[in-house]
Amino acid sequence: MNELNRALGDIRSIRRQMAHSTEFRGYGPVTLAATGVFAVLAAGAQALWLPDPANHIVAYIGIWTSTALISAALIGVQAVTRTHRMHSGMADEMIRMAVEQFLPSVGAGALVTIALVHSAALWMLPGLWQIIYSLGVFASCRFLPRPVVAAGAWYLFTGFACILLSDERALSAWTMGIAYGVGQLLVAGILFFTAERGQEAADEG
C-alpha cells in the first residue's frame, strides 16, 4: 500500500510539473472578446443611466461588479469545458493553476472596493481595479503566450492614467469601458493569432 501511495504521489507530481510547463489553452478568444464587448456595453449603460456616478456610487459599483461577475462566469464555464477538451488528462491541474494565478487579484480587488466604498477616495476605484487586474494578467503570463504581457501593460497604463486624473473624472463610464474593452479584445486577439501560428507550425511539421 505504501508503494502504491508513493507511486500515485509521483504521478501527481509529474502531472503537476507537466502542467506548469504547458501553455494553458483554456481561454477561448471569442469568449474573451465577448467580455470586452460587455465592458463597452456596460460603459454605454453607465453613460446613459448614471451620468453622476460620484453621487450614486453603489449603482456604479453594481454596474461594474455585475459586468465582472458575468464575464468571469462566461470565461470560467468555457475554460472548464475547453480545458478538458484541449488538455484532457491534465485538465484539472491546468484549471487549478489558472485559478491560483488570478485568485489573489480578484480577492485584492474585492477588499479594495470594500475599503474605499465609504471613503472620500472613491475616484481611485477604477484605477486600482485596473492595476490589480494587470497584476493578475502578469501572473498568468508564465503559462500563456508571451505577447499577453502587452495586455498586462495596457491595464497597468490605463490604471495609472485613471489615478493621475486625481478626481471624479476617473469615474467616467469610458475610463472602464475603454480600458477593459480594448484590454479584453487585445488578449483575445493575441490568443487567436498565437493559436493560428501554432496550428500552422503543427501542419508544416
Protein backbone atom coordinates (compact mmCIF):
# COMPACT_ATOMS: atom_id res chain seq x y z
CA MET A 1 0.00 0.00 0.00
CA ASN A 2 2.83 2.40 0.80
CA GLU A 3 4.39 1.73 -2.58
CA LEU A 4 1.07 2.34 -4.29
CA ASN A 5 0.60 5.64 -2.45
CA ARG A 6 4.15 6.65 -3.32
CA ALA A 7 3.57 5.79 -6.99
CA LEU A 8 0.33 7.79 -7.06
CA GLY A 9 2.12 10.71 -5.42
CA ASP A 10 4.87 10.53 -8.03
CA ILE A 11 2.28 10.54 -10.81
CA ARG A 12 0.55 13.59 -9.34
CA SER A 13 3.90 15.33 -9.02
CA ILE A 14 4.79 14.58 -12.64
CA ARG A 15 1.41 15.80 -13.86
CA ARG A 16 1.79 18.98 -11.82
CA GLN A 17 5.23 19.65 -13.31
CA MET A 18 3.92 18.99 -16.81
CA ALA A 19 1.00 21.37 -16.22
CA HIS A 20 3.34 24.12 -15.03
CA SER A 21 5.44 23.78 -18.17
CA THR A 22 2.48 23.58 -20.61
CA GLU A 23 0.87 26.57 -22.26
CA PHE A 24 -2.69 26.95 -20.99
CA ARG A 25 -5.22 26.85 -23.82
CA GLY A 26 -8.40 27.01 -21.77
CA TYR A 27 -9.21 30.64 -22.53
CA GLY A 28 -11.26 30.99 -25.70
CA PRO A 29 -10.60 34.10 -27.83
CA VAL A 30 -14.27 34.52 -28.76
CA THR A 31 -15.40 34.47 -25.13
CA LEU A 32 -12.69 36.94 -24.10
CA ALA A 33 -13.68 39.22 -26.97
CA ALA A 34 -17.30 38.99 -25.79
CA THR A 35 -16.27 40.20 -22.33
CA GLY A 36 -14.62 43.20 -23.96
CA VAL A 37 -17.89 43.96 -25.74
CA PHE A 38 -19.73 43.60 -22.41
CA ALA A 39 -17.41 46.21 -20.90
CA VAL A 40 -18.24 48.66 -23.68
CA LEU A 41 -21.97 47.95 -23.28
CA ALA A 42 -21.68 48.48 -19.50
CA ALA A 43 -19.93 51.80 -20.15
CA GLY A 44 -22.72 52.80 -22.52
CA ALA A 45 -25.32 51.87 -19.89
CA GLN A 46 -23.48 53.92 -17.27
CA ALA A 47 -23.18 56.92 -19.57
CA LEU A 48 -26.89 56.73 -20.35
CA TRP A 49 -28.40 55.99 -16.94
CA LEU A 50 -25.75 57.09 -14.46
CA PRO A 51 -24.31 60.45 -15.57
CA ASP A 52 -23.30 61.35 -11.99
CA PRO A 53 -21.60 58.20 -10.61
CA ALA A 54 -19.86 60.05 -7.77
CA ASN A 55 -23.24 60.60 -6.09
CA HIS A 56 -24.54 57.14 -6.91
CA ILE A 57 -21.50 55.06 -6.07
CA VAL A 58 -23.46 51.95 -5.09
CA ALA A 59 -25.07 51.87 -8.53
CA TYR A 60 -21.67 52.47 -10.14
CA ILE A 61 -20.10 49.58 -8.25
CA GLY A 62 -23.16 47.47 -9.06
CA ILE A 63 -22.78 48.02 -12.81
CA TRP A 64 -19.13 47.06 -12.90
CA THR A 65 -19.36 44.26 -10.35
CA SER A 66 -22.20 42.69 -12.32
CA THR A 67 -20.23 43.03 -15.55
CA ALA A 68 -17.18 41.42 -13.91
CA LEU A 69 -19.23 38.53 -12.46
CA ILE A 70 -20.98 37.80 -15.76
CA SER A 71 -17.66 37.93 -17.64
CA ALA A 72 -15.93 35.73 -15.06
CA ALA A 73 -18.77 33.20 -15.22
CA LEU A 74 -18.59 33.01 -19.03
CA ILE A 75 -14.81 32.69 -19.02
CA GLY A 76 -14.92 30.12 -16.21
CA VAL A 77 -17.54 27.87 -17.81
CA GLN A 78 -15.78 27.89 -21.15
CA ALA A 79 -12.37 27.42 -19.56
CA VAL A 80 -13.55 24.24 -17.81
CA THR A 81 -15.06 22.70 -20.95
CA ARG A 82 -12.27 23.88 -23.26
CA THR A 83 -9.51 22.75 -20.89
CA HIS A 84 -10.96 19.24 -20.67
CA ARG A 85 -11.03 19.16 -24.46
CA MET A 86 -7.58 20.68 -25.05
CA HIS A 87 -5.61 19.27 -22.12
CA SER A 88 -7.53 16.04 -21.39
CA GLY A 89 -5.63 14.20 -18.62
CA MET A 90 -4.06 17.36 -17.20
CA ALA A 91 -7.27 19.39 -17.28
CA ASP A 92 -7.93 19.55 -13.53
CA GLU A 93 -4.36 20.59 -12.75
CA MET A 94 -4.39 23.21 -15.51
CA ILE A 95 -7.67 24.71 -14.28
CA ARG A 96 -6.38 24.77 -10.70
CA MET A 97 -3.22 26.52 -11.84
CA ALA A 98 -5.18 29.14 -13.81
CA VAL A 99 -7.42 29.87 -10.81
CA GLU A 100 -4.44 30.13 -8.46
CA GLN A 101 -2.81 32.74 -10.70
CA PHE A 102 -5.83 35.04 -10.83
CA LEU A 103 -7.50 34.46 -7.45
CA PRO A 104 -5.22 36.81 -5.46
CA SER A 105 -6.01 39.76 -7.74
CA VAL A 106 -9.74 39.03 -7.51
CA GLY A 107 -9.54 38.97 -3.72
CA ALA A 108 -7.47 42.15 -3.65
CA GLY A 109 -9.95 43.93 -5.90
CA ALA A 110 -12.85 42.96 -3.65
CA LEU A 111 -11.05 44.09 -0.50
CA VAL A 112 -10.02 47.42 -2.04
CA THR A 113 -13.63 48.03 -3.08
CA ILE A 114 -14.90 47.33 0.43
CA ALA A 115 -12.20 49.53 1.95
CA LEU A 116 -12.93 52.54 -0.28
CA VAL A 117 -16.71 52.35 -0.56
CA HIS A 118 -17.23 54.76 2.36
CA SER A 119 -14.14 56.89 1.82
CA ALA A 120 -13.50 60.17 0.05
CA ALA A 121 -11.13 58.45 -2.37
CA LEU A 122 -13.78 56.58 -4.35
CA TRP A 123 -12.48 58.13 -7.56
CA MET A 124 -9.45 55.85 -7.18
CA LEU A 125 -11.50 52.68 -7.64
CA PRO A 126 -11.32 52.38 -11.48
CA GLY A 127 -7.55 52.92 -11.49
CA LEU A 128 -6.94 50.48 -8.64
CA TRP A 129 -9.21 47.86 -10.25
CA GLN A 130 -7.21 48.10 -13.47
CA ILE A 131 -3.82 47.98 -11.75
CA ILE A 132 -4.85 44.97 -9.66
CA TYR A 133 -6.23 43.26 -12.78
CA SER A 134 -2.94 43.91 -14.55
CA LEU A 135 -1.16 42.02 -11.78
CA GLY A 136 -3.44 39.04 -12.40
CA VAL A 137 -2.64 39.19 -16.11
CA PHE A 138 1.11 39.41 -15.42
CA ALA A 139 0.87 36.46 -13.02
CA SER A 140 -0.88 34.41 -15.71
CA CYS A 141 1.68 35.26 -18.41
CA ARG A 142 4.00 32.44 -17.44
CA PHE A 143 1.60 29.84 -18.81
CA LEU A 144 0.04 31.95 -21.60
CA PRO A 145 1.59 33.17 -24.88
CA ARG A 146 4.30 35.74 -24.15
CA PRO A 147 2.59 38.62 -26.03
CA VAL A 148 -0.16 38.58 -23.37
CA VAL A 149 2.25 40.71 -21.29
CA ALA A 150 1.19 43.58 -23.57
CA ALA A 151 -2.34 43.31 -22.17
CA GLY A 152 -0.96 43.44 -18.63
CA ALA A 153 0.99 46.56 -19.56
CA TRP A 154 -2.15 48.08 -21.08
CA TYR A 155 -4.16 47.61 -17.86
CA LEU A 156 -1.27 48.96 -15.80
CA PHE A 157 -1.04 52.04 -18.02
CA THR A 158 -4.78 52.73 -18.00
CA GLY A 159 -4.91 52.24 -14.23
CA PHE A 160 -2.18 54.82 -13.65
CA ALA A 161 -3.86 57.16 -16.13
CA CYS A 162 -7.10 56.95 -14.13
CA ILE A 163 -5.30 57.71 -10.89
CA LEU A 164 -3.48 60.65 -12.49
CA LEU A 165 -6.87 62.24 -13.18
CA SER A 166 -7.00 62.73 -9.39
CA ASP A 167 -10.71 63.50 -9.21
CA GLU A 168 -14.20 62.27 -10.08
CA ARG A 169 -13.40 62.23 -13.81
CA ALA A 170 -11.89 58.81 -13.13
CA LEU A 171 -15.44 57.53 -12.53
CA SER A 172 -16.40 58.35 -16.13
CA ALA A 173 -18.01 55.41 -17.92
CA TRP A 174 -15.28 55.33 -20.52
CA THR A 175 -12.33 55.03 -18.16
CA MET A 176 -13.60 51.50 -17.51
CA GLY A 177 -15.20 50.87 -20.89
CA ILE A 178 -12.10 51.71 -22.91
CA ALA A 179 -9.68 50.01 -20.50
CA TYR A 180 -11.49 46.69 -20.34
CA GLY A 181 -13.00 46.81 -23.82
CA VAL A 182 -9.62 47.28 -25.50
CA GLY A 183 -7.77 45.09 -22.99
CA GLN A 184 -10.01 42.05 -23.37
CA LEU A 185 -10.07 42.39 -27.15
CA LEU A 186 -6.28 42.61 -27.08
CA VAL A 187 -5.99 39.38 -25.09
CA ALA A 188 -8.50 37.69 -27.41
CA GLY A 189 -6.54 38.79 -30.48
CA ILE A 190 -3.24 37.60 -29.04
CA LEU A 191 -4.66 34.17 -28.15
CA PHE A 192 -6.32 33.84 -31.55
CA PHE A 193 -3.25 34.70 -33.62
CA THR A 194 -0.81 32.69 -31.50
CA ALA A 195 -3.15 29.68 -31.79
CA GLU A 196 -3.28 30.18 -35.56
CA ARG A 197 0.53 30.33 -35.79
CA GLY A 198 0.80 27.26 -33.59
CA GLN A 199 -1.61 25.36 -35.83
CA GLU A 200 0.28 26.41 -38.94
CA ALA A 201 3.56 25.25 -37.41
CA ALA A 202 1.98 21.92 -36.49
CA ASP A 203 0.62 21.48 -40.02
CA GLU A 204 4.01 22.26 -41.55
CA GLY A 205 5.69 19.81 -39.16
